[in-house]
């Protein structure tokens, strides 16, 4: 169940409305800083660069990702490891 009201559609940024056919034809990776946009079915099969605060992480969208947010697939923190002395 979504936290967003049912009468509103899922939030998606304007730059992410580029369809899959246009993305394949132009051979480029779509980039976005909108981590709170919802992945919709027409994004499946495309490559999208998601900003994590420092750089863009390239994510290939699969069918199982539909309904999730883009930010869930671009981690913002690195795992901490103690250095060897």
PDB file of N, CA and C in Angstrom:
ATOM      1  N   UNK A   1       0.834  -1.175   0.000  1.00  0.00           N
ATOM      2  CA  UNK A   1       0.000   0.000   0.000  1.00  0.00           C
ATOM      3  C   UNK A   1       0.877   1.235   0.000  1.00  0.00           C
ATOM      4  N   UNK A   2       0.530   2.188  -0.796  1.00  0.00           N
ATOM      5  CA  UNK A   2       1.312   3.403  -0.917  1.00  0.00           C
ATOM      6  C   UNK A   2       0.907   4.428   0.137  1.00  0.00           C
ATOM      7  N   UNK A   3       1.861   5.250   0.559  1.00  0.00           N
ATOM      8  CA  UNK A   3       1.560   6.310   1.503  1.00  0.00           C
ATOM      9  C   UNK A   3       0.876   7.484   0.811  1.00  0.00           C
ATOM     10  N   UNK A   4       1.007   7.554  -0.491  1.00  0.00           N
ATOM     11  CA  UNK A   4       0.417   8.631  -1.268  1.00  0.00           C
ATOM     12  C   UNK A   4      -1.066   8.353  -1.472  1.00  0.00           C
ATOM     13  N   UNK A   5      -1.879   9.398  -1.550  1.00  0.00           N
ATOM     14  CA  UNK A   5      -3.327   9.241  -1.717  1.00  0.00           C
ATOM     15  C   UNK A   5      -3.665   8.485  -2.993  1.00  0.00           C
ATOM     16  N   UNK A   6      -4.736   7.724  -2.967  1.00  0.00           N
ATOM     17  CA  UNK A   6      -5.124   6.931  -4.125  1.00  0.00           C
ATOM     18  C   UNK A   6      -5.592   7.783  -5.295  1.00  0.00           C
ATOM     19  N   UNK A   7      -6.156   8.974  -5.028  1.00  0.00           N
ATOM     20  CA  UNK A   7      -6.648   9.794  -6.127  1.00  0.00           C
ATOM     21  C   UNK A   7      -5.518  10.505  -6.857  1.00  0.00           C
ATOM     22  N   UNK A   8      -4.324  10.534  -6.241  1.00  0.00           N
ATOM     23  CA  UNK A   8      -3.156  11.088  -6.912  1.00  0.00           C
ATOM     24  C   UNK A   8      -2.426   9.946  -7.600  1.00  0.00           C
ATOM     25  N   UNK A   9      -1.816  10.227  -8.730  1.00  0.00           N
ATOM     26  CA  UNK A   9      -1.013   9.226  -9.406  1.00  0.00           C
ATOM     27  C   UNK A   9       0.365   9.185  -8.766  1.00  0.00           C
ATOM     28  N   UNK A  10       1.119   8.131  -8.983  1.00  0.00           N
ATOM     29  CA  UNK A  10       2.465   8.020  -8.441  1.00  0.00           C
ATOM     30  C   UNK A  10       3.322   9.177  -8.928  1.00  0.00           C
ATOM     31  N   UNK A  11       4.169   9.722  -8.046  1.00  0.00           N
ATOM     32  CA  UNK A  11       5.021  10.847  -8.432  1.00  0.00           C
ATOM     33  C   UNK A  11       6.101  10.381  -9.378  1.00  0.00           C
ATOM     34  N   UNK A  12       6.301  11.147 -10.443  1.00  0.00           N
ATOM     35  CA  UNK A  12       7.382  10.893 -11.381  1.00  0.00           C
ATOM     36  C   UNK A  12       7.842  12.240 -11.928  1.00  0.00           C
ATOM     37  N   UNK A  13       9.162  12.444 -11.956  1.00  0.00           N
ATOM     38  CA  UNK A  13       9.731  13.701 -12.439  1.00  0.00           C
ATOM     39  C   UNK A  13       9.510  13.834 -13.943  1.00  0.00           C
ATOM     40  N   UNK A  14       9.473  15.078 -14.406  1.00  0.00           N
ATOM     41  CA  UNK A  14       9.183  15.346 -15.819  1.00  0.00           C
ATOM     42  C   UNK A  14      10.218  14.747 -16.765  1.00  0.00           C
ATOM     43  N   UNK A  15      11.499  14.733 -16.365  1.00  0.00           N
ATOM     44  CA  UNK A  15      12.532  14.235 -17.273  1.00  0.00           C
ATOM     45  C   UNK A  15      12.469  12.720 -17.459  1.00  0.00           C
ATOM     46  N   UNK A  16      11.675  12.018 -16.639  1.00  0.00           N
ATOM     47  CA  UNK A  16      11.589  10.559 -16.729  1.00  0.00           C
ATOM     48  C   UNK A  16      10.435  10.076 -17.603  1.00  0.00           C
ATOM     49  N   UNK A  17       9.750  10.988 -18.282  1.00  0.00           N
ATOM     50  CA  UNK A  17       8.662  10.595 -19.161  1.00  0.00           C
ATOM     51  C   UNK A  17       9.139  10.151 -20.536  1.00  0.00           C
ATOM     52  N   UNK A  18      10.437  10.131 -20.760  1.00  0.00           N
ATOM     53  CA  UNK A  18      10.981   9.649 -22.016  1.00  0.00           C
ATOM     54  C   UNK A  18      10.689   8.158 -22.136  1.00  0.00           C
ATOM     55  N   UNK A  19      10.052   7.754 -23.205  1.00  0.00           N
ATOM     56  CA  UNK A  19       9.620   6.365 -23.324  1.00  0.00           C
ATOM     57  C   UNK A  19      10.792   5.446 -23.669  1.00  0.00           C
ATOM     58  N   UNK A  20      10.553   4.162 -23.525  1.00  0.00           N
ATOM     59  CA  UNK A  20      11.574   3.155 -23.759  1.00  0.00           C
ATOM     60  C   UNK A  20      12.049   3.168 -25.214  1.00  0.00           C
ATOM     61  N   UNK A  21      11.154   3.359 -26.164  1.00  0.00           N
ATOM     62  CA  UNK A  21      11.537   3.348 -27.577  1.00  0.00           C
ATOM     63  C   UNK A  21      12.446   4.527 -27.904  1.00  0.00           C
ATOM     64  N   UNK A  22      12.192   5.700 -27.313  1.00  0.00           N
ATOM     65  CA  UNK A  22      13.048   6.850 -27.549  1.00  0.00           C
ATOM     66  C   UNK A  22      14.419   6.628 -26.927  1.00  0.00           C
ATOM     67  N   UNK A  23      14.464   5.969 -25.761  1.00  0.00           N
ATOM     68  CA  UNK A  23      15.728   5.715 -25.090  1.00  0.00           C
ATOM     69  C   UNK A  23      16.592   4.748 -25.903  1.00  0.00           C
ATOM     70  N   UNK A  24      16.007   3.710 -26.490  1.00  0.00           N
ATOM     71  CA  UNK A  24      16.765   2.756 -27.293  1.00  0.00           C
ATOM     72  C   UNK A  24      17.267   3.401 -28.581  1.00  0.00           C
ATOM     73  N   UNK A  25      16.446   4.229 -29.191  1.00  0.00           N
ATOM     74  CA  UNK A  25      16.799   4.811 -30.467  1.00  0.00           C
ATOM     75  C   UNK A  25      17.967   5.790 -30.323  1.00  0.00           C
ATOM     76  N   UNK A  26      18.009   6.561 -29.231  1.00  0.00           N
ATOM     77  CA  UNK A  26      19.024   7.581 -29.081  1.00  0.00           C
ATOM     78  C   UNK A  26      20.292   7.068 -28.399  1.00  0.00           C
ATOM     79  N   UNK A  27      20.275   5.878 -27.821  1.00  0.00           N
ATOM     80  CA  UNK A  27      21.447   5.228 -27.221  1.00  0.00           C
ATOM     81  C   UNK A  27      22.128   6.101 -26.167  1.00  0.00           C
ATOM     82  N   UNK A  28      21.379   6.561 -25.197  1.00  0.00           N
ATOM     83  CA  UNK A  28      21.975   7.305 -24.104  1.00  0.00           C
ATOM     84  C   UNK A  28      21.320   6.887 -22.801  1.00  0.00           C
ATOM     85  N   UNK A  29      21.993   7.203 -21.715  1.00  0.00           N
ATOM     86  CA  UNK A  29      21.475   6.881 -20.390  1.00  0.00           C
ATOM     87  C   UNK A  29      20.747   8.101 -19.859  1.00  0.00           C
ATOM     88  N   UNK A  30      19.525   7.916 -19.471  1.00  0.00           N
ATOM     89  CA  UNK A  30      18.719   8.984 -18.893  1.00  0.00           C
ATOM     90  C   UNK A  30      19.218   9.246 -17.481  1.00  0.00           C
ATOM     91  N   UNK A  31      19.470  10.500 -17.115  1.00  0.00           N
ATOM     92  CA  UNK A  31      19.948  10.808 -15.775  1.00  0.00           C
ATOM     93  C   UNK A  31      18.906  11.614 -15.020  1.00  0.00           C
ATOM     94  N   UNK A  32      18.843  11.389 -13.711  1.00  0.00           N
ATOM     95  CA  UNK A  32      17.887  12.101 -12.883  1.00  0.00           C
ATOM     96  C   UNK A  32      18.432  12.294 -11.477  1.00  0.00           C
ATOM     97  N   UNK A  33      18.007  13.376 -10.849  1.00  0.00           N
ATOM     98  CA  UNK A  33      18.321  13.610  -9.442  1.00  0.00           C
ATOM     99  C   UNK A  33      17.100  13.328  -8.578  1.00  0.00           C
ATOM    100  N   UNK A  34      16.000  12.958  -9.205  1.00  0.00           N
ATOM    101  CA  UNK A  34      14.759  12.701  -8.490  1.00  0.00           C
ATOM    102  C   UNK A  34      14.740  11.268  -7.988  1.00  0.00           C
ATOM    103  N   UNK A  35      15.187  11.076  -6.743  1.00  0.00           N
ATOM    104  CA  UNK A  35      15.239   9.736  -6.155  1.00  0.00           C
ATOM    105  C   UNK A  35      13.871   9.272  -5.665  1.00  0.00           C
ATOM    106  N   UNK A  36      12.916  10.208  -5.513  1.00  0.00           N
ATOM    107  CA  UNK A  36      11.601   9.848  -4.996  1.00  0.00           C
ATOM    108  C   UNK A  36      10.588   9.558  -6.096  1.00  0.00           C
ATOM    109  N   UNK A  37      11.023   9.483  -7.344  1.00  0.00           N
ATOM    110  CA  UNK A  37      10.122   9.120  -8.437  1.00  0.00           C
ATOM    111  C   UNK A  37       9.862   7.620  -8.434  1.00  0.00           C
ATOM    112  N   UNK A  38       8.652   7.239  -8.782  1.00  0.00           N
ATOM    113  CA  UNK A  38       8.264   5.828  -8.809  1.00  0.00           C
ATOM    114  C   UNK A  38       8.641   5.210 -10.149  1.00  0.00           C
ATOM    115  N   UNK A  39       9.104   3.968 -10.129  1.00  0.00           N
ATOM    116  CA  UNK A  39       9.428   3.249 -11.367  1.00  0.00           C
ATOM    117  C   UNK A  39       8.125   2.715 -11.944  1.00  0.00           C
ATOM    118  N   UNK A  40       7.851   3.074 -13.188  1.00  0.00           N
ATOM    119  CA  UNK A  40       6.629   2.657 -13.873  1.00  0.00           C
ATOM    120  C   UNK A  40       6.952   1.596 -14.920  1.00  0.00           C
ATOM    121  N   UNK A  41       5.937   0.871 -15.415  1.00  0.00           N
ATOM    122  CA  UNK A  41       6.204  -0.225 -16.358  1.00  0.00           C
ATOM    123  C   UNK A  41       6.909   0.187 -17.650  1.00  0.00           C
ATOM    124  N   UNK A  42       6.756   1.438 -18.111  1.00  0.00           N
ATOM    125  CA  UNK A  42       7.428   1.798 -19.355  1.00  0.00           C
ATOM    126  C   UNK A  42       8.922   2.069 -19.164  1.00  0.00           C
ATOM    127  N   UNK A  43       9.419   2.052 -17.924  1.00  0.00           N
ATOM    128  CA  UNK A  43      10.852   2.187 -17.665  1.00  0.00           C
ATOM    129  C   UNK A  43      11.589   0.857 -17.785  1.00  0.00           C
ATOM    130  N   UNK A  44      10.882  -0.263 -17.807  1.00  0.00           N
ATOM    131  CA  UNK A  44      11.516  -1.585 -17.827  1.00  0.00           C
ATOM    132  C   UNK A  44      12.367  -1.741 -19.086  1.00  0.00           C
ATOM    133  N   UNK A  45      13.605  -2.174 -18.892  1.00  0.00           N
ATOM    134  CA  UNK A  45      14.516  -2.391 -20.008  1.00  0.00           C
ATOM    135  C   UNK A  45      15.405  -1.198 -20.310  1.00  0.00           C
ATOM    136  N   UNK A  46      15.214  -0.073 -19.653  1.00  0.00           N
ATOM    137  CA  UNK A  46      16.035   1.102 -19.920  1.00  0.00           C
ATOM    138  C   UNK A  46      17.109   1.254 -18.851  1.00  0.00           C
ATOM    139  N   UNK A  47      18.136   2.023 -19.166  1.00  0.00           N
ATOM    140  CA  UNK A  47      19.207   2.326 -18.222  1.00  0.00           C
ATOM    141  C   UNK A  47      19.018   3.752 -17.732  1.00  0.00           C
ATOM    142  N   UNK A  48      19.048   3.938 -16.426  1.00  0.00           N
ATOM    143  CA  UNK A  48      18.817   5.248 -15.842  1.00  0.00           C
ATOM    144  C   UNK A  48      19.926   5.541 -14.851  1.00  0.00           C
ATOM    145  N   UNK A  49      20.505   6.733 -14.952  1.00  0.00           N
ATOM    146  CA  UNK A  49      21.526   7.176 -14.016  1.00  0.00           C
ATOM    147  C   UNK A  49      20.867   7.911 -12.864  1.00  0.00           C
ATOM    148  N   UNK A  50      21.046   7.416 -11.645  1.00  0.00           N
ATOM    149  CA  UNK A  50      20.409   7.995 -10.464  1.00  0.00           C
ATOM    150  C   UNK A  50      21.493   8.670  -9.627  1.00  0.00           C
ATOM    151  N   UNK A  51      21.262   9.927  -9.265  1.00  0.00           N
ATOM    152  CA  UNK A  51      22.248  10.689  -8.502  1.00  0.00           C
ATOM    153  C   UNK A  51      22.233  10.257  -7.041  1.00  0.00           C
ATOM    154  N   UNK A  52      23.415   9.970  -6.481  1.00  0.00           N
ATOM    155  CA  UNK A  52      23.485   9.547  -5.083  1.00  0.00           C
ATOM    156  C   UNK A  52      24.110  10.613  -4.194  1.00  0.00           C
ATOM    157  N   UNK A  53      24.246  11.829  -4.694  1.00  0.00           N
ATOM    158  CA  UNK A  53      24.820  12.920  -3.931  1.00  0.00           C
ATOM    159  C   UNK A  53      26.210  13.284  -4.389  1.00  0.00           C
ATOM    160  N   UNK A  54      26.914  12.343  -5.009  1.00  0.00           N
ATOM    161  CA  UNK A  54      28.267  12.590  -5.497  1.00  0.00           C
ATOM    162  C   UNK A  54      28.347  12.348  -7.000  1.00  0.00           C
ATOM    163  N   UNK A  55      27.870  11.206  -7.439  1.00  0.00           N
ATOM    164  CA  UNK A  55      27.922  10.845  -8.855  1.00  0.00           C
ATOM    165  C   UNK A  55      26.654  10.106  -9.247  1.00  0.00           C
ATOM    166  N   UNK A  56      26.551   9.763 -10.519  1.00  0.00           N
ATOM    167  CA  UNK A  56      25.378   9.052 -11.015  1.00  0.00           C
ATOM    168  C   UNK A  56      25.660   7.555 -11.044  1.00  0.00           C
ATOM    169  N   UNK A  57      24.762   6.778 -10.459  1.00  0.00           N
ATOM    170  CA  UNK A  57      24.855   5.328 -10.463  1.00  0.00           C
ATOM    171  C   UNK A  57      23.930   4.799 -11.553  1.00  0.00           C
ATOM    172  N   UNK A  58      24.473   4.027 -12.480  1.00  0.00           N
ATOM    173  CA  UNK A  58      23.672   3.486 -13.576  1.00  0.00           C
ATOM    174  C   UNK A  58      22.926   2.248 -13.111  1.00  0.00           C
ATOM    175  N   UNK A  59      21.617   2.241 -13.340  1.00  0.00           N
ATOM    176  CA  UNK A  59      20.759   1.135 -12.939  1.00  0.00           C
ATOM    177  C   UNK A  59      19.983   0.663 -14.158  1.00  0.00           C
ATOM    178  N   UNK A  60      20.031  -0.632 -14.432  1.00  0.00           N
ATOM    179  CA  UNK A  60      19.200  -1.221 -15.476  1.00  0.00           C
ATOM    180  C   UNK A  60      17.881  -1.643 -14.844  1.00  0.00           C
ATOM    181  N   UNK A  61      16.796  -1.073 -15.301  1.00  0.00           N
ATOM    182  CA  UNK A  61      15.487  -1.310 -14.684  1.00  0.00           C
ATOM    183  C   UNK A  61      14.939  -2.654 -15.140  1.00  0.00           C
ATOM    184  N   UNK A  62      14.531  -3.472 -14.154  1.00  0.00           N
ATOM    185  CA  UNK A  62      13.953  -4.791 -14.423  1.00  0.00           C
ATOM    186  C   UNK A  62      12.482  -4.798 -14.033  1.00  0.00           C
ATOM    187  N   UNK A  63      11.794  -5.853 -14.416  1.00  0.00           N
ATOM    188  CA  UNK A  63      10.359  -5.957 -14.156  1.00  0.00           C
ATOM    189  C   UNK A  63      10.040  -6.005 -12.662  1.00  0.00           C
ATOM    190  N   UNK A  64      10.924  -6.578 -11.869  1.00  0.00           N
ATOM    191  CA  UNK A  64      10.679  -6.700 -10.430  1.00  0.00           C
ATOM    192  C   UNK A  64      10.812  -5.367  -9.693  1.00  0.00           C
ATOM    193  N   UNK A  65      11.357  -4.341 -10.331  1.00  0.00           N
ATOM    194  CA  UNK A  65      11.545  -3.031  -9.706  1.00  0.00           C
ATOM    195  C   UNK A  65      10.332  -2.122  -9.822  1.00  0.00           C
ATOM    196  N   UNK A  66       9.352  -2.491 -10.623  1.00  0.00           N
ATOM    197  CA  UNK A  66       8.181  -1.640 -10.857  1.00  0.00           C
ATOM    198  C   UNK A  66       7.430  -1.432  -9.546  1.00  0.00           C
ATOM    199  N   UNK A  67       7.102  -0.170  -9.253  1.00  0.00           N
ATOM    200  CA  UNK A  67       6.391   0.174  -8.034  1.00  0.00           C
ATOM    201  C   UNK A  67       7.303   0.685  -6.931  1.00  0.00           C
ATOM    202  N   UNK A  68       8.613   0.449  -7.053  1.00  0.00           N
ATOM    203  CA  UNK A  68       9.577   0.938  -6.078  1.00  0.00           C
ATOM    204  C   UNK A  68      10.034   2.338  -6.478  1.00  0.00           C
ATOM    205  N   UNK A  69      10.810   2.978  -5.617  1.00  0.00           N
ATOM    206  CA  UNK A  69      11.371   4.294  -5.899  1.00  0.00           C
ATOM    207  C   UNK A  69      12.775   4.140  -6.458  1.00  0.00           C
ATOM    208  N   UNK A  70      13.210   5.116  -7.266  1.00  0.00           N
ATOM    209  CA  UNK A  70      14.554   5.061  -7.845  1.00  0.00           C
ATOM    210  C   UNK A  70      15.634   5.120  -6.775  1.00  0.00           C
ATOM    211  N   UNK A  71      15.402   5.831  -5.700  1.00  0.00           N
ATOM    212  CA  UNK A  71      16.395   5.985  -4.643  1.00  0.00           C
ATOM    213  C   UNK A  71      16.749   4.701  -3.928  1.00  0.00           C
ATOM    214  N   UNK A  72      15.897   3.692  -4.019  1.00  0.00           N
ATOM    215  CA  UNK A  72      16.170   2.416  -3.352  1.00  0.00           C
ATOM    216  C   UNK A  72      17.316   1.653  -4.011  1.00  0.00           C
ATOM    217  N   UNK A  73      17.661   2.014  -5.238  1.00  0.00           N
ATOM    218  CA  UNK A  73      18.650   1.256  -5.998  1.00  0.00           C
ATOM    219  C   UNK A  73      19.960   2.006  -6.189  1.00  0.00           C
ATOM    220  N   UNK A  74      20.078   3.205  -5.624  1.00  0.00           N
ATOM    221  CA  UNK A  74      21.326   3.967  -5.676  1.00  0.00           C
ATOM    222  C   UNK A  74      21.701   4.316  -4.240  1.00  0.00           C
ATOM    223  N   UNK A  75      22.639   3.592  -3.671  1.00  0.00           N
ATOM    224  CA  UNK A  75      23.002   3.769  -2.277  1.00  0.00           C
ATOM    225  C   UNK A  75      23.784   5.062  -2.079  1.00  0.00           C
ATOM    226  N   UNK A  76      23.516   5.757  -0.978  1.00  0.00           N
ATOM    227  CA  UNK A  76      24.150   7.042  -0.715  1.00  0.00           C
ATOM    228  C   UNK A  76      25.318   6.921   0.245  1.00  0.00           C
ATOM    229  N   UNK A  77      25.439   5.826   0.954  1.00  0.00           N
ATOM    230  CA  UNK A  77      26.524   5.654   1.921  1.00  0.00           C
ATOM    231  C   UNK A  77      27.368   4.445   1.553  1.00  0.00           C
ATOM    232  N   UNK A  78      28.663   4.589   1.736  1.00  0.00           N
ATOM    233  CA  UNK A  78      29.560   3.469   1.497  1.00  0.00           C
ATOM    234  C   UNK A  78      29.622   2.607   2.754  1.00  0.00           C
ATOM    235  N   UNK A  79      29.789   1.293   2.612  1.00  0.00           N
ATOM    236  CA  UNK A  79      29.953   0.454   3.797  1.00  0.00           C
ATOM    237  C   UNK A  79      31.285   0.770   4.487  1.00  0.00           C
ATOM    238  N   UNK A  80      31.282   0.820   5.803  1.00  0.00           N
ATOM    239  CA  UNK A  80      32.475   1.159   6.564  1.00  0.00           C
ATOM    240  C   UNK A  80      33.319  -0.069   6.809  1.00  0.00           C
ATOM    241  N   UNK A  81      34.623   0.085   6.578  1.00  0.00           N
ATOM    242  CA  UNK A  81      35.580  -0.987   6.843  1.00  0.00           C
ATOM    243  C   UNK A  81      36.796  -0.407   7.542  1.00  0.00           C
ATOM    244  N   UNK A  82      37.280  -1.062   8.569  1.00  0.00           N
ATOM    245  CA  UNK A  82      38.480  -0.619   9.246  1.00  0.00           C
ATOM    246  C   UNK A  82      39.684  -0.857   8.335  1.00  0.00           C
ATOM    247  N   UNK A  83      40.607   0.088   8.335  1.00  0.00           N
ATOM    248  CA  UNK A  83      41.808  -0.061   7.523  1.00  0.00           C
ATOM    249  C   UNK A  83      42.796  -1.002   8.150  1.00  0.00           C
ATOM    250  N   UNK A  84      43.607  -1.622   7.341  1.00  0.00           N
ATOM    251  CA  UNK A  84      44.630  -2.545   7.824  1.00  0.00           C
ATOM    252  C   UNK A  84      45.868  -1.754   8.206  1.00  0.00           C
ATOM    253  N   UNK A  85      46.447  -2.054   9.361  1.00  0.00           N
ATOM    254  CA  UNK A  85      47.663  -1.338   9.787  1.00  0.00           C
ATOM    255  C   UNK A  85      48.889  -2.184   9.633  1.00  0.00           C
TER     256      UNK A  85
END
